[in-house]
PDB file of N, CA and C in Angstrom:
ATOM      1  N   MET A   1       1.894  -4.776  -9.371  1.00  0.00           N
ATOM      2  CA  MET A   1       2.054  -3.694 -10.308  1.00  0.00           C
ATOM      3  C   MET A   1       3.169  -4.048 -11.295  1.00  0.00           C
ATOM      4  N   LEU A   2       2.928  -3.807 -12.567  1.00  0.00           N
ATOM      5  CA  LEU A   2       3.921  -4.136 -13.593  1.00  0.00           C
ATOM      6  C   LEU A   2       4.454  -2.841 -14.200  1.00  0.00           C
ATOM      7  N   ARG A   3       5.741  -2.731 -14.195  1.00  0.00           N
ATOM      8  CA  ARG A   3       6.400  -1.593 -14.800  1.00  0.00           C
ATOM      9  C   ARG A   3       7.269  -2.124 -15.936  1.00  0.00           C
ATOM     10  N   THR A   4       7.333  -1.402 -17.042  1.00  0.00           N
ATOM     11  CA  THR A   4       8.117  -1.817 -18.205  1.00  0.00           C
ATOM     12  C   THR A   4       9.370  -0.961 -18.310  1.00  0.00           C
ATOM     13  N   LEU A   5      10.464  -1.609 -18.660  1.00  0.00           N
ATOM     14  CA  LEU A   5      11.747  -0.914 -18.803  1.00  0.00           C
ATOM     15  C   LEU A   5      12.496  -1.536 -19.956  1.00  0.00           C
ATOM     16  N   LYS A   6      13.016  -0.678 -20.819  1.00  0.00           N
ATOM     17  CA  LYS A   6      13.822  -1.175 -21.936  1.00  0.00           C
ATOM     18  C   LYS A   6      15.119  -1.787 -21.383  1.00  0.00           C
ATOM     19  N   ILE A   7      15.638  -2.751 -22.109  1.00  0.00           N
ATOM     20  CA  ILE A   7      16.812  -3.492 -21.640  1.00  0.00           C
ATOM     21  C   ILE A   7      18.018  -2.588 -21.432  1.00  0.00           C
ATOM     22  N   THR A   8      18.150  -1.561 -22.213  1.00  0.00           N
ATOM     23  CA  THR A   8      19.286  -0.631 -22.051  1.00  0.00           C
ATOM     24  C   THR A   8      19.154   0.131 -20.727  1.00  0.00           C
ATOM     25  N   ALA A   9      17.952   0.547 -20.391  1.00  0.00           N
ATOM     26  CA  ALA A   9      17.713   1.258 -19.113  1.00  0.00           C
ATOM     27  C   ALA A   9      17.884   0.301 -17.952  1.00  0.00           C
ATOM     28  N   ALA A  10      17.421  -0.942 -18.120  1.00  0.00           N
ATOM     29  CA  ALA A  10      17.573  -1.938 -17.053  1.00  0.00           C
ATOM     30  C   ALA A  10      19.047  -2.211 -16.781  1.00  0.00           C
ATOM     31  N   ARG A  11      19.823  -2.334 -17.829  1.00  0.00           N
ATOM     32  CA  ARG A  11      21.259  -2.561 -17.672  1.00  0.00           C
ATOM     33  C   ARG A  11      21.899  -1.445 -16.888  1.00  0.00           C
ATOM     34  N   LYS A  12      21.505  -0.204 -17.188  1.00  0.00           N
ATOM     35  CA  LYS A  12      22.072   0.952 -16.563  1.00  0.00           C
ATOM     36  C   LYS A  12      21.679   1.050 -15.081  1.00  0.00           C
ATOM     37  N   ASN A  13      20.487   0.600 -14.763  1.00  0.00           N
ATOM     38  CA  ASN A  13      19.935   0.772 -13.407  1.00  0.00           C
ATOM     39  C   ASN A  13      19.969  -0.493 -12.551  1.00  0.00           C
ATOM     40  N   LEU A  14      20.499  -1.583 -13.078  1.00  0.00           N
ATOM     41  CA  LEU A  14      20.421  -2.854 -12.376  1.00  0.00           C
ATOM     42  C   LEU A  14      20.983  -2.823 -10.961  1.00  0.00           C
ATOM     43  N   THR A  15      22.091  -2.163 -10.746  1.00  0.00           N
ATOM     44  CA  THR A  15      22.712  -2.201  -9.426  1.00  0.00           C
ATOM     45  C   THR A  15      21.949  -1.393  -8.384  1.00  0.00           C
ATOM     46  N   SER A  16      20.987  -0.560  -8.800  1.00  0.00           N
ATOM     47  CA  SER A  16      20.232   0.203  -7.804  1.00  0.00           C
ATOM     48  C   SER A  16      18.749  -0.136  -7.767  1.00  0.00           C
ATOM     49  N   MET A  17      18.309  -1.044  -8.634  1.00  0.00           N
ATOM     50  CA  MET A  17      16.878  -1.419  -8.677  1.00  0.00           C
ATOM     51  C   MET A  17      16.367  -1.925  -7.349  1.00  0.00           C
ATOM     52  N   HIS A  18      17.166  -2.673  -6.654  1.00  0.00           N
ATOM     53  CA  HIS A  18      16.730  -3.284  -5.394  1.00  0.00           C
ATOM     54  C   HIS A  18      16.356  -2.268  -4.328  1.00  0.00           C
ATOM     55  N   LYS A  19      16.822  -1.033  -4.475  1.00  0.00           N
ATOM     56  CA  LYS A  19      16.568   0.014  -3.499  1.00  0.00           C
ATOM     57  C   LYS A  19      15.158   0.582  -3.643  1.00  0.00           C
ATOM     58  N   THR A  20      14.597   0.532  -4.845  1.00  0.00           N
ATOM     59  CA  THR A  20      13.293   1.165  -5.071  1.00  0.00           C
ATOM     60  C   THR A  20      12.181   0.185  -5.431  1.00  0.00           C
ATOM     61  N   LEU A  21      12.524  -1.039  -5.764  1.00  0.00           N
ATOM     62  CA  LEU A  21      11.537  -2.021  -6.208  1.00  0.00           C
ATOM     63  C   LEU A  21      10.723  -2.500  -4.995  1.00  0.00           C
ATOM     64  N   ARG A  22       9.406  -2.351  -5.090  1.00  0.00           N
ATOM     65  CA  ARG A  22       8.498  -2.778  -4.004  1.00  0.00           C
ATOM     66  C   ARG A  22       8.172  -4.245  -4.154  1.00  0.00           C
ATOM     67  N   ILE A  23       7.741  -4.867  -3.047  1.00  0.00           N
ATOM     68  CA  ILE A  23       7.428  -6.291  -3.055  1.00  0.00           C
ATOM     69  C   ILE A  23       6.304  -6.658  -4.032  1.00  0.00           C
ATOM     70  N   ASP A  24       5.381  -5.714  -4.245  1.00  0.00           N
ATOM     71  CA  ASP A  24       4.247  -5.989  -5.129  1.00  0.00           C
ATOM     72  C   ASP A  24       4.498  -5.563  -6.576  1.00  0.00           C
ATOM     73  N   GLU A  25       5.733  -5.225  -6.880  1.00  0.00           N
ATOM     74  CA  GLU A  25       6.062  -4.686  -8.203  1.00  0.00           C
ATOM     75  C   GLU A  25       6.969  -5.683  -8.972  1.00  0.00           C
ATOM     76  N   THR A  26       6.747  -5.747 -10.260  1.00  0.00           N
ATOM     77  CA  THR A  26       7.583  -6.528 -11.163  1.00  0.00           C
ATOM     78  C   THR A  26       7.956  -5.624 -12.327  1.00  0.00           C
ATOM     79  N   ILE A  27       9.176  -5.725 -12.767  1.00  0.00           N
ATOM     80  CA  ILE A  27       9.628  -4.947 -13.928  1.00  0.00           C
ATOM     81  C   ILE A  27       9.732  -5.907 -15.102  1.00  0.00           C
ATOM     82  N   ALA A  28       9.005  -5.561 -16.162  1.00  0.00           N
ATOM     83  CA  ALA A  28       9.117  -6.323 -17.408  1.00  0.00           C
ATOM     84  C   ALA A  28      10.204  -5.643 -18.242  1.00  0.00           C
ATOM     85  N   VAL A  29      11.285  -6.357 -18.451  1.00  0.00           N
ATOM     86  CA  VAL A  29      12.383  -5.829 -19.247  1.00  0.00           C
ATOM     87  C   VAL A  29      12.135  -6.197 -20.700  1.00  0.00           C
ATOM     88  N   THR A  30      12.174  -5.205 -21.575  1.00  0.00           N
ATOM     89  CA  THR A  30      11.869  -5.434 -22.977  1.00  0.00           C
ATOM     90  C   THR A  30      13.098  -5.236 -23.847  1.00  0.00           C
ATOM     91  N   ASN A  31      13.102  -5.982 -24.947  1.00  0.00           N
ATOM     92  CA  ASN A  31      14.117  -5.813 -25.974  1.00  0.00           C
ATOM     93  C   ASN A  31      13.356  -5.758 -27.310  1.00  0.00           C
ATOM     94  N   ARG A  32      13.455  -4.623 -27.961  1.00  0.00           N
ATOM     95  CA  ARG A  32      12.707  -4.376 -29.184  1.00  0.00           C
ATOM     96  C   ARG A  32      11.194  -4.596 -28.985  1.00  0.00           C
ATOM     97  N   ASP A  33      10.717  -4.040 -27.879  1.00  0.00           N
ATOM     98  CA  ASP A  33       9.288  -4.074 -27.498  1.00  0.00           C
ATOM     99  C   ASP A  33       8.756  -5.470 -27.179  1.00  0.00           C
ATOM    100  N   LYS A  34       9.619  -6.442 -26.984  1.00  0.00           N
ATOM    101  CA  LYS A  34       9.198  -7.798 -26.590  1.00  0.00           C
ATOM    102  C   LYS A  34       9.682  -8.035 -25.168  1.00  0.00           C
ATOM    103  N   LYS A  35       8.791  -8.500 -24.293  1.00  0.00           N
ATOM    104  CA  LYS A  35       9.184  -8.812 -22.911  1.00  0.00           C
ATOM    105  C   LYS A  35      10.121  -9.993 -22.924  1.00  0.00           C
ATOM    106  N   VAL A  36      11.296  -9.798 -22.306  1.00  0.00           N
ATOM    107  CA  VAL A  36      12.317 -10.867 -22.312  1.00  0.00           C
ATOM    108  C   VAL A  36      12.753 -11.272 -20.917  1.00  0.00           C
ATOM    109  N   LEU A  37      12.548 -10.451 -19.907  1.00  0.00           N
ATOM    110  CA  LEU A  37      12.933 -10.750 -18.527  1.00  0.00           C
ATOM    111  C   LEU A  37      11.938 -10.172 -17.560  1.00  0.00           C
ATOM    112  N   ALA A  38      11.892 -10.760 -16.386  1.00  0.00           N
ATOM    113  CA  ALA A  38      11.103 -10.200 -15.296  1.00  0.00           C
ATOM    114  C   ALA A  38      12.047  -9.962 -14.125  1.00  0.00           C
ATOM    115  N   VAL A  39      11.981  -8.784 -13.552  1.00  0.00           N
ATOM    116  CA  VAL A  39      12.798  -8.463 -12.385  1.00  0.00           C
ATOM    117  C   VAL A  39      11.852  -8.221 -11.225  1.00  0.00           C
ATOM    118  N   MET A  40      12.104  -8.911 -10.121  1.00  0.00           N
ATOM    119  CA  MET A  40      11.259  -8.779  -8.933  1.00  0.00           C
ATOM    120  C   MET A  40      12.106  -8.979  -7.689  1.00  0.00           C
ATOM    121  N   ARG A  41      11.566  -8.570  -6.546  1.00  0.00           N
ATOM    122  CA  ARG A  41      12.275  -8.772  -5.285  1.00  0.00           C
ATOM    123  C   ARG A  41      12.371 -10.272  -5.010  1.00  0.00           C
ATOM    124  N   TRP A  42      13.417 -10.698  -4.362  1.00  0.00           N
ATOM    125  CA  TRP A  42      13.669 -12.093  -4.083  1.00  0.00           C
ATOM    126  C   TRP A  42      12.534 -12.709  -3.287  1.00  0.00           C
ATOM    127  N   GLU A  43      11.980 -11.971  -2.338  1.00  0.00           N
ATOM    128  CA  GLU A  43      10.891 -12.485  -1.519  1.00  0.00           C
ATOM    129  C   GLU A  43       9.680 -12.881  -2.376  1.00  0.00           C
ATOM    130  N   LYS A  44       9.393 -12.080  -3.404  1.00  0.00           N
ATOM    131  CA  LYS A  44       8.277 -12.409  -4.295  1.00  0.00           C
ATOM    132  C   LYS A  44       8.605 -13.656  -5.134  1.00  0.00           C
ATOM    133  N   TYR A  45       9.803 -13.722  -5.673  1.00  0.00           N
ATOM    134  CA  TYR A  45      10.220 -14.887  -6.448  1.00  0.00           C
ATOM    135  C   TYR A  45      10.156 -16.134  -5.585  1.00  0.00           C
ATOM    136  N   ASP A  46      10.643 -16.042  -4.342  1.00  0.00           N
ATOM    137  CA  ASP A  46      10.665 -17.180  -3.452  1.00  0.00           C
ATOM    138  C   ASP A  46       9.247 -17.650  -3.146  1.00  0.00           C
ATOM    139  N   ALA A  47       8.316 -16.716  -2.967  1.00  0.00           N
ATOM    140  CA  ALA A  47       6.903 -17.067  -2.706  1.00  0.00           C
ATOM    141  C   ALA A  47       6.290 -17.759  -3.941  1.00  0.00           C
ATOM    142  N   ILE A  48       6.592 -17.284  -5.116  1.00  0.00           N
ATOM    143  CA  ILE A  48       6.107 -17.896  -6.342  1.00  0.00           C
ATOM    144  C   ILE A  48       6.668 -19.308  -6.494  1.00  0.00           C
ATOM    145  N   ARG A  49       7.946 -19.468  -6.236  1.00  0.00           N
ATOM    146  CA  ARG A  49       8.582 -20.760  -6.319  1.00  0.00           C
ATOM    147  C   ARG A  49       7.986 -21.746  -5.339  1.00  0.00           C
ATOM    148  N   GLU A  50       7.734 -21.269  -4.126  1.00  0.00           N
ATOM    149  CA  GLU A  50       7.139 -22.122  -3.081  1.00  0.00           C
ATOM    150  C   GLU A  50       5.709 -22.517  -3.474  1.00  0.00           C
ATOM    151  N   THR A  51       4.956 -21.585  -4.021  1.00  0.00           N
ATOM    152  CA  THR A  51       3.583 -21.880  -4.475  1.00  0.00           C
ATOM    153  C   THR A  51       3.590 -22.914  -5.565  1.00  0.00           C
ATOM    154  N   LEU A  52       4.496 -22.781  -6.536  1.00  0.00           N
ATOM    155  CA  LEU A  52       4.602 -23.783  -7.612  1.00  0.00           C
ATOM    156  C   LEU A  52       4.966 -25.152  -7.068  1.00  0.00           C
ATOM    157  N   SER A  53       5.850 -25.165  -6.064  1.00  0.00           N
ATOM    158  CA  SER A  53       6.237 -26.423  -5.474  1.00  0.00           C
ATOM    159  C   SER A  53       5.031 -27.127  -4.832  1.00  0.00           C
ATOM    160  N   ILE A  54       4.205 -26.349  -4.136  1.00  0.00           N
ATOM    161  CA  ILE A  54       2.995 -26.915  -3.513  1.00  0.00           C
ATOM    162  C   ILE A  54       2.057 -27.425  -4.583  1.00  0.00           C
ATOM    163  N   LEU A  55       1.852 -26.648  -5.640  1.00  0.00           N
ATOM    164  CA  LEU A  55       0.907 -27.050  -6.696  1.00  0.00           C
ATOM    165  C   LEU A  55       1.383 -28.300  -7.447  1.00  0.00           C
ATOM    166  N   GLU A  56       2.678 -28.580  -7.438  1.00  0.00           N
ATOM    167  CA  GLU A  56       3.181 -29.772  -8.097  1.00  0.00           C
ATOM    168  C   GLU A  56       2.968 -31.033  -7.255  1.00  0.00           C
ATOM    169  N   ASP A  57       2.675 -30.854  -5.973  1.00  0.00           N
ATOM    170  CA  ASP A  57       2.474 -31.984  -5.077  1.00  0.00           C
ATOM    171  C   ASP A  57       0.977 -32.326  -5.045  1.00  0.00           C
ATOM    172  N   GLU A  58       0.616 -33.338  -5.816  1.00  0.00           N
ATOM    173  CA  GLU A  58      -0.803 -33.692  -5.983  1.00  0.00           C
ATOM    174  C   GLU A  58      -1.486 -34.028  -4.648  1.00  0.00           C
ATOM    175  N   ALA A  59      -0.779 -34.717  -3.769  1.00  0.00           N
ATOM    176  CA  ALA A  59      -1.381 -35.110  -2.476  1.00  0.00           C
ATOM    177  C   ALA A  59      -1.644 -33.864  -1.615  1.00  0.00           C
ATOM    178  N   LEU A  60      -0.707 -32.944  -1.658  1.00  0.00           N
ATOM    179  CA  LEU A  60      -0.859 -31.711  -0.863  1.00  0.00           C
ATOM    180  C   LEU A  60      -1.997 -30.834  -1.411  1.00  0.00           C
ATOM    181  N   VAL A  61      -2.123 -30.756  -2.716  1.00  0.00           N
ATOM    182  CA  VAL A  61      -3.231 -30.007  -3.328  1.00  0.00           C
ATOM    183  C   VAL A  61      -4.561 -30.634  -2.985  1.00  0.00           C
ATOM    184  N   LYS A  62      -4.611 -31.954  -3.009  1.00  0.00           N
ATOM    185  CA  LYS A  62      -5.849 -32.674  -2.653  1.00  0.00           C
ATOM    186  C   LYS A  62      -6.232 -32.374  -1.195  1.00  0.00           C
ATOM    187  N   GLN A  63      -5.259 -32.407  -0.303  1.00  0.00           N
ATOM    188  CA  GLN A  63      -5.507 -32.113   1.109  1.00  0.00           C
ATOM    189  C   GLN A  63      -5.963 -30.666   1.280  1.00  0.00           C
ATOM    190  N   LEU A  64      -5.327 -29.750   0.571  1.00  0.00           N
ATOM    191  CA  LEU A  64      -5.705 -28.332   0.641  1.00  0.00           C
ATOM    192  C   LEU A  64      -7.142 -28.118   0.172  1.00  0.00           C
ATOM    193  N   LYS A  65      -7.494 -28.745  -0.942  1.00  0.00           N
ATOM    194  CA  LYS A  65      -8.873 -28.626  -1.436  1.00  0.00           C
ATOM    195  C   LYS A  65      -9.876 -29.176  -0.426  1.00  0.00           C
ATOM    196  N   ARG A  66      -9.536 -30.331   0.172  1.00  0.00           N
ATOM    197  CA  ARG A  66     -10.417 -30.908   1.181  1.00  0.00           C
ATOM    198  C   ARG A  66     -10.577 -29.999   2.391  1.00  0.00           C
ATOM    199  N   SER A  67      -9.459 -29.408   2.817  1.00  0.00           N
ATOM    200  CA  SER A  67      -9.488 -28.497   3.951  1.00  0.00           C
ATOM    201  C   SER A  67     -10.322 -27.253   3.662  1.00  0.00           C
ATOM    202  N   LEU A  68     -10.199 -26.708   2.462  1.00  0.00           N
ATOM    203  CA  LEU A  68     -10.991 -25.561   2.076  1.00  0.00           C
ATOM    204  C   LEU A  68     -12.477 -25.869   2.036  1.00  0.00           C
ATOM    205  N   LYS A  69     -12.787 -27.066   1.524  1.00  0.00           N
ATOM    206  CA  LYS A  69     -14.198 -27.497   1.473  1.00  0.00           C
ATOM    207  C   LYS A  69     -14.754 -27.638   2.871  1.00  0.00           C
ATOM    208  N   GLU A  70     -13.994 -28.252   3.770  1.00  0.00           N
ATOM    209  CA  GLU A  70     -14.432 -28.409   5.155  1.00  0.00           C
ATOM    210  C   GLU A  70     -14.621 -27.044   5.832  1.00  0.00           C
ATOM    211  N   ALA A  71     -13.738 -26.100   5.548  1.00  0.00           N
ATOM    212  CA  ALA A  71     -13.864 -24.761   6.121  1.00  0.00           C
ATOM    213  C   ALA A  71     -15.145 -24.078   5.631  1.00  0.00           C
ATOM    214  N   ARG A  72     -15.419 -24.204   4.327  1.00  0.00           N
ATOM    215  CA  ARG A  72     -16.650 -23.609   3.766  1.00  0.00           C
ATOM    216  C   ARG A  72     -17.896 -24.238   4.411  1.00  0.00           C
ATOM    217  N   GLU A  73     -17.803 -25.511   4.739  1.00  0.00           N
ATOM    218  CA  GLU A  73     -18.937 -26.214   5.335  1.00  0.00           C
ATOM    219  C   GLU A  73     -19.027 -25.992   6.856  1.00  0.00           C
ATOM    220  N   GLY A  74     -18.092 -25.218   7.384  1.00  0.00           N
ATOM    221  CA  GLY A  74     -18.131 -24.908   8.818  1.00  0.00           C
ATOM    222  C   GLY A  74     -17.557 -26.001   9.699  1.00  0.00           C
ATOM    223  N   LYS A  75     -16.855 -26.925   9.106  1.00  0.00           N
ATOM    224  CA  LYS A  75     -16.259 -28.032   9.866  1.00  0.00           C
ATOM    225  C   LYS A  75     -14.889 -27.623  10.400  1.00  0.00           C
ATOM    226  N   LEU A  76     -14.905 -26.640  11.295  1.00  0.00           N
ATOM    227  CA  LEU A  76     -13.662 -26.120  11.843  1.00  0.00           C
ATOM    228  C   LEU A  76     -13.457 -26.627  13.260  1.00  0.00           C
ATOM    229  N   ILE A  77     -12.223 -26.722  13.683  1.00  0.00           N
ATOM    230  CA  ILE A  77     -11.897 -27.141  15.039  1.00  0.00           C
ATOM    231  C   ILE A  77     -11.242 -25.942  15.709  1.00  0.00           C
ATOM    232  N   ALA A  78     -11.714 -25.631  16.899  1.00  0.00           N
ATOM    233  CA  ALA A  78     -11.175 -24.474  17.624  1.00  0.00           C
ATOM    234  C   ALA A  78      -9.699 -24.698  17.972  1.00  0.00           C
ATOM    235  N   LEU A  79      -8.903 -23.643  17.838  1.00  0.00           N
ATOM    236  CA  LEU A  79      -7.487 -23.720  18.134  1.00  0.00           C
ATOM    237  C   LEU A  79      -7.256 -24.195  19.577  1.00  0.00           C
ATOM    238  N   GLU A  80      -8.087 -23.735  20.479  1.00  0.00           N
ATOM    239  CA  GLU A  80      -7.943 -24.124  21.895  1.00  0.00           C
ATOM    240  C   GLU A  80      -8.057 -25.660  22.052  1.00  0.00           C
ATOM    241  N   LYS A  81      -8.969 -26.270  21.273  1.00  0.00           N
ATOM    242  CA  LYS A  81      -9.157 -27.715  21.345  1.00  0.00           C
ATOM    243  C   LYS A  81      -7.885 -28.444  20.826  1.00  0.00           C
ATOM    244  N   ILE A  82      -7.369 -27.949  19.738  1.00  0.00           N
ATOM    245  CA  ILE A  82      -6.143 -28.541  19.186  1.00  0.00           C
ATOM    246  C   ILE A  82      -4.999 -28.435  20.168  1.00  0.00           C
ATOM    247  N   GLU A  83      -4.851 -27.236  20.776  1.00  0.00           N
ATOM    248  CA  GLU A  83      -3.784 -27.023  21.736  1.00  0.00           C
ATOM    249  C   GLU A  83      -3.950 -27.913  22.977  1.00  0.00           C
ATOM    250  N   SER A  84      -5.200 -28.074  23.419  1.00  0.00           N
ATOM    251  CA  SER A  84      -5.437 -28.884  24.619  1.00  0.00           C
ATOM    252  C   SER A  84      -5.147 -30.376  24.351  1.00  0.00           C
ATOM    253  N   GLU A  85      -5.251 -30.756  23.092  1.00  0.00           N
ATOM    254  CA  GLU A  85      -4.970 -32.161  22.738  1.00  0.00           C
ATOM    255  C   GLU A  85      -3.510 -32.369  22.346  1.00  0.00           C
ATOM    256  N   GLY A  86      -2.717 -31.310  22.467  1.00  0.00           N
ATOM    257  CA  GLY A  86      -1.293 -31.386  22.167  1.00  0.00           C
ATOM    258  C   GLY A  86      -0.975 -31.368  20.702  1.00  0.00           C
ATOM    259  N   GLY A  87      -1.874 -30.831  19.876  1.00  0.00           N
ATOM    260  CA  GLY A  87      -1.657 -30.809  18.424  1.00  0.00           C
ATOM    261  C   GLY A  87      -0.961 -29.574  17.923  1.00  0.00           C
ATOM    262  N   ALA A  88      -0.773 -28.565  18.762  1.00  0.00           N
ATOM    263  CA  ALA A  88      -0.166 -27.336  18.278  1.00  0.00           C
ATOM    264  C   ALA A  88       1.069 -26.984  19.071  1.00  0.00           C
TER     265      ALA A  88
END
């Protein structure tokens, strides 16, 4: 969910925003009707940063795509089998 707040209101409410901001919410801070900042909970920022880090790793993205393709094709291995082989 995106909420918009003028920069003057954001400045006034900055010290209390963390109390009411939900994990699924982002505040677009505007200055003269132009979006200039995004305010979000740290957990959301950290998840976005982690996702970007994964997407920058070409080998990891290739492995993820291959794994998703195998899952769609039903080429799954039961967790019990992995555990019995000492893989988990």
